[in-house]
Amino acid sequence: MKDNTRAAMAKGLGWFSIALGVAELLAPKATAKATGVHYGKNLLQAYGAREIATGIGLLAAKDPQPWLWARVAGDALDLATLAADLVSNPHKRRNTALSLAAVMGVTALDVWMAETARRDAIRQAEPPRDYSDRVGMALSPDEMRGKARDAMQAAPDLQTPTALKPYTLH
């Protein structure tokens, strides 16, 4: 996928976050009724503020990656809230189950977008280095031949004096 397509999708998620956040913030009772959630209006308004902040971050940021991961974290919170509500609230179970399925779909999209942004950032960070032409020696192998032996030769003043060397017959 091209960079401009990913950027457009991130901006679209930003606008989606703002729209959802405004609905949760300004109409928490209607949102609760539609989703089947029965936790108080304060919780939905807090979730709305979180959505708006994330949306603004996605629209304003040069790098959307942290804001995409913030959406994923928010989705996890939404899923936990809906799952708890599905178990504890038998009255609107169908609405809650549909909301849970919708949030799972959005979560999948958010995770995919965040992971794609992470991979793009890694690819753009630093080009891979090519060491294929290196042999690990300062000179060519032919020029290096004998260099180690010469380097290991002790200095004349550190060598054993001739008078102390063992006598050998040739």
Protein backbone atom coordinates (compact mmCIF):
# COMPACT_ATOMS: atom_id res chain seq x y z
CA MET A 1 0.00 0.00 0.00
CA LYS A 2 1.28 3.45 -0.86
CA ASP A 3 2.28 6.04 1.74
CA ASN A 4 -0.45 8.48 0.68
CA THR A 5 -3.11 5.75 1.04
CA ARG A 6 -1.89 4.92 4.55
CA ALA A 7 -1.84 8.60 5.47
CA ALA A 8 -5.39 9.00 4.16
CA MET A 9 -6.53 5.98 6.17
CA ALA A 10 -4.91 7.41 9.31
CA LYS A 11 -6.67 10.73 8.72
CA GLY A 12 -9.94 8.84 8.19
CA LEU A 13 -9.46 7.06 11.52
CA GLY A 14 -8.81 10.47 13.08
CA TRP A 15 -12.10 11.86 11.81
CA PHE A 16 -13.89 8.65 12.87
CA SER A 17 -12.45 9.04 16.39
CA ILE A 18 -13.60 12.66 16.59
CA ALA A 19 -17.12 11.81 15.37
CA LEU A 20 -17.45 8.91 17.81
CA GLY A 21 -16.00 10.99 20.62
CA VAL A 22 -18.42 13.85 20.01
CA ALA A 23 -21.34 11.40 20.07
CA GLU A 24 -20.13 9.86 23.33
CA LEU A 25 -19.40 13.24 24.89
CA LEU A 26 -22.57 15.12 23.87
CA ALA A 27 -25.11 12.27 23.79
CA PRO A 28 -23.95 9.65 26.31
CA LYS A 29 -27.47 8.36 27.03
CA ALA A 30 -28.27 7.80 23.35
CA THR A 31 -24.87 6.17 22.82
CA ALA A 32 -25.43 3.91 25.84
CA LYS A 33 -28.86 2.92 24.54
CA ALA A 34 -27.52 2.17 21.05
CA THR A 35 -24.57 0.13 22.28
CA GLY A 36 -26.34 -1.55 25.17
CA VAL A 37 -23.83 -0.28 27.70
CA HIS A 38 -25.31 0.51 31.11
CA TYR A 39 -22.26 1.99 32.88
CA GLY A 40 -22.89 5.69 33.64
CA LYS A 41 -22.82 8.68 31.38
CA ASN A 42 -19.56 9.86 32.98
CA LEU A 43 -17.71 6.79 31.71
CA LEU A 44 -19.02 7.27 28.18
CA GLN A 45 -18.11 10.96 28.28
CA ALA A 46 -14.59 10.08 29.44
CA TYR A 47 -14.32 7.58 26.56
CA GLY A 48 -15.58 10.34 24.24
CA ALA A 49 -12.88 12.74 25.42
CA ARG A 50 -10.29 10.00 24.84
CA GLU A 51 -11.59 9.43 21.30
CA ILE A 52 -11.52 13.15 20.48
CA ALA A 53 -7.95 13.51 21.80
CA THR A 54 -6.82 10.51 19.77
CA GLY A 55 -8.55 11.83 16.66
CA ILE A 56 -6.94 15.24 16.98
CA GLY A 57 -3.58 13.56 17.51
CA LEU A 58 -4.02 11.50 14.33
CA LEU A 59 -4.98 14.56 12.29
CA ALA A 60 -2.24 16.83 13.63
CA ALA A 61 0.73 14.48 14.00
CA LYS A 62 3.44 14.13 11.40
CA ASP A 63 3.96 10.54 12.58
CA PRO A 64 0.62 8.82 13.22
CA GLN A 65 2.15 5.68 14.76
CA PRO A 66 1.84 6.62 18.48
CA TRP A 67 -1.73 7.80 17.94
CA LEU A 68 -2.63 4.60 16.11
CA TRP A 69 -1.33 2.60 19.07
CA ALA A 70 -3.36 4.90 21.36
CA ARG A 71 -6.43 3.90 19.35
CA VAL A 72 -5.52 0.22 19.85
CA ALA A 73 -5.23 0.79 23.61
CA GLY A 74 -8.58 2.58 23.61
CA ASP A 75 -10.11 -0.29 21.65
CA ALA A 76 -8.85 -2.74 24.28
CA LEU A 77 -10.53 -0.65 26.96
CA ASP A 78 -13.76 -0.52 24.94
CA LEU A 79 -13.68 -4.29 24.38
CA ALA A 80 -13.16 -4.94 28.09
CA THR A 81 -16.05 -2.63 28.98
CA LEU A 82 -18.38 -4.22 26.42
CA ALA A 83 -17.39 -7.76 27.43
CA ALA A 84 -18.07 -6.99 31.09
CA ASP A 85 -21.38 -5.42 30.15
CA LEU A 86 -22.32 -8.40 27.98
CA VAL A 87 -22.01 -10.67 31.02
CA SER A 88 -23.65 -8.38 33.58
CA ASN A 89 -26.48 -6.75 31.59
CA PRO A 90 -29.07 -9.19 30.19
CA HIS A 91 -31.44 -6.44 28.95
CA LYS A 92 -29.52 -5.15 25.93
CA ARG A 93 -27.37 -8.21 25.25
CA ARG A 94 -28.03 -8.11 21.47
CA ASN A 95 -26.97 -4.45 21.18
CA THR A 96 -23.90 -5.09 23.30
CA ALA A 97 -22.91 -8.14 21.23
CA LEU A 98 -23.28 -6.14 18.00
CA SER A 99 -21.23 -3.30 19.48
CA LEU A 100 -18.59 -5.80 20.60
CA ALA A 101 -18.37 -7.23 17.07
CA ALA A 102 -18.10 -3.74 15.56
CA VAL A 103 -15.34 -2.74 17.97
CA MET A 104 -13.47 -5.97 17.18
CA GLY A 105 -13.56 -5.06 13.48
CA VAL A 106 -12.31 -1.55 14.14
CA THR A 107 -9.63 -2.96 16.48
CA ALA A 108 -8.38 -5.25 13.71
CA LEU A 109 -8.09 -2.25 11.39
CA ASP A 110 -6.35 -0.17 14.07
CA VAL A 111 -3.83 -2.93 14.86
CA TRP A 112 -3.09 -3.42 11.16
CA MET A 113 -2.59 0.32 10.62
CA ALA A 114 -0.41 0.71 13.73
CA GLU A 115 1.75 -2.28 12.80
CA THR A 116 2.12 -1.02 9.23
CA ALA A 117 3.18 2.40 10.54
CA ARG A 118 5.70 0.72 12.87
CA ARG A 119 7.22 -1.27 10.00
CA ASP A 120 7.39 1.83 7.81
CA ALA A 121 9.19 3.74 10.57
CA ILE A 122 11.75 0.95 10.91
CA ARG A 123 12.32 0.85 7.15
CA GLN A 124 12.79 4.61 6.94
CA ALA A 125 14.96 4.91 10.05
CA GLU A 126 18.25 3.78 8.54
CA PRO A 127 19.03 1.99 5.31
CA PRO A 128 20.60 -1.43 5.83
CA ARG A 129 24.35 -1.48 5.55
CA ASP A 130 26.06 -3.66 2.96
CA TYR A 131 29.14 -5.44 4.28
CA SER A 132 29.38 -8.01 1.49
CA ASP A 133 32.59 -6.50 0.06
CA ARG A 134 34.50 -6.59 3.36
CA VAL A 135 36.98 -9.27 4.40
CA GLY A 136 37.84 -7.98 7.87
CA MET A 137 41.48 -7.12 7.14
CA ALA A 138 43.14 -3.75 6.58
CA LEU A 139 45.02 -4.98 3.50
CA SER A 140 44.38 -7.61 0.88
CA PRO A 141 45.13 -11.21 1.90
CA ASP A 142 48.37 -11.26 -0.14
CA GLU A 143 49.60 -8.05 1.51
CA MET A 144 48.71 -9.39 4.97
CA ARG A 145 50.75 -12.58 4.54
CA GLY A 146 53.56 -12.62 7.11
CA LYS A 147 52.42 -9.44 8.90
CA ALA A 148 51.34 -11.30 12.03
CA ARG A 149 54.65 -13.15 12.22
CA ASP A 150 56.55 -9.86 11.93
CA ALA A 151 54.35 -8.24 14.56
CA MET A 152 55.00 -11.09 16.98
CA GLN A 153 58.78 -10.78 16.73
CA ALA A 154 60.15 -9.47 20.02
CA ALA A 155 62.25 -6.32 19.98
CA PRO A 156 66.01 -7.00 19.98
CA ASP A 157 66.52 -5.70 23.51
CA LEU A 158 63.82 -8.13 24.76
CA GLN A 159 65.26 -11.17 23.01
CA THR A 160 67.40 -13.71 24.82
CA PRO A 161 71.07 -12.76 24.55
CA THR A 162 73.08 -15.10 22.31
CA ALA A 163 75.30 -16.17 25.24
CA LEU A 164 72.26 -17.48 27.12
CA LYS A 165 70.63 -19.31 24.20
CA PRO A 166 70.91 -23.08 24.30
CA TYR A 167 73.77 -24.61 22.39
CA THR A 168 72.57 -26.54 19.35
CA LEU A 169 74.39 -28.50 16.74
CA HIS A 170 73.56 -27.88 13.17
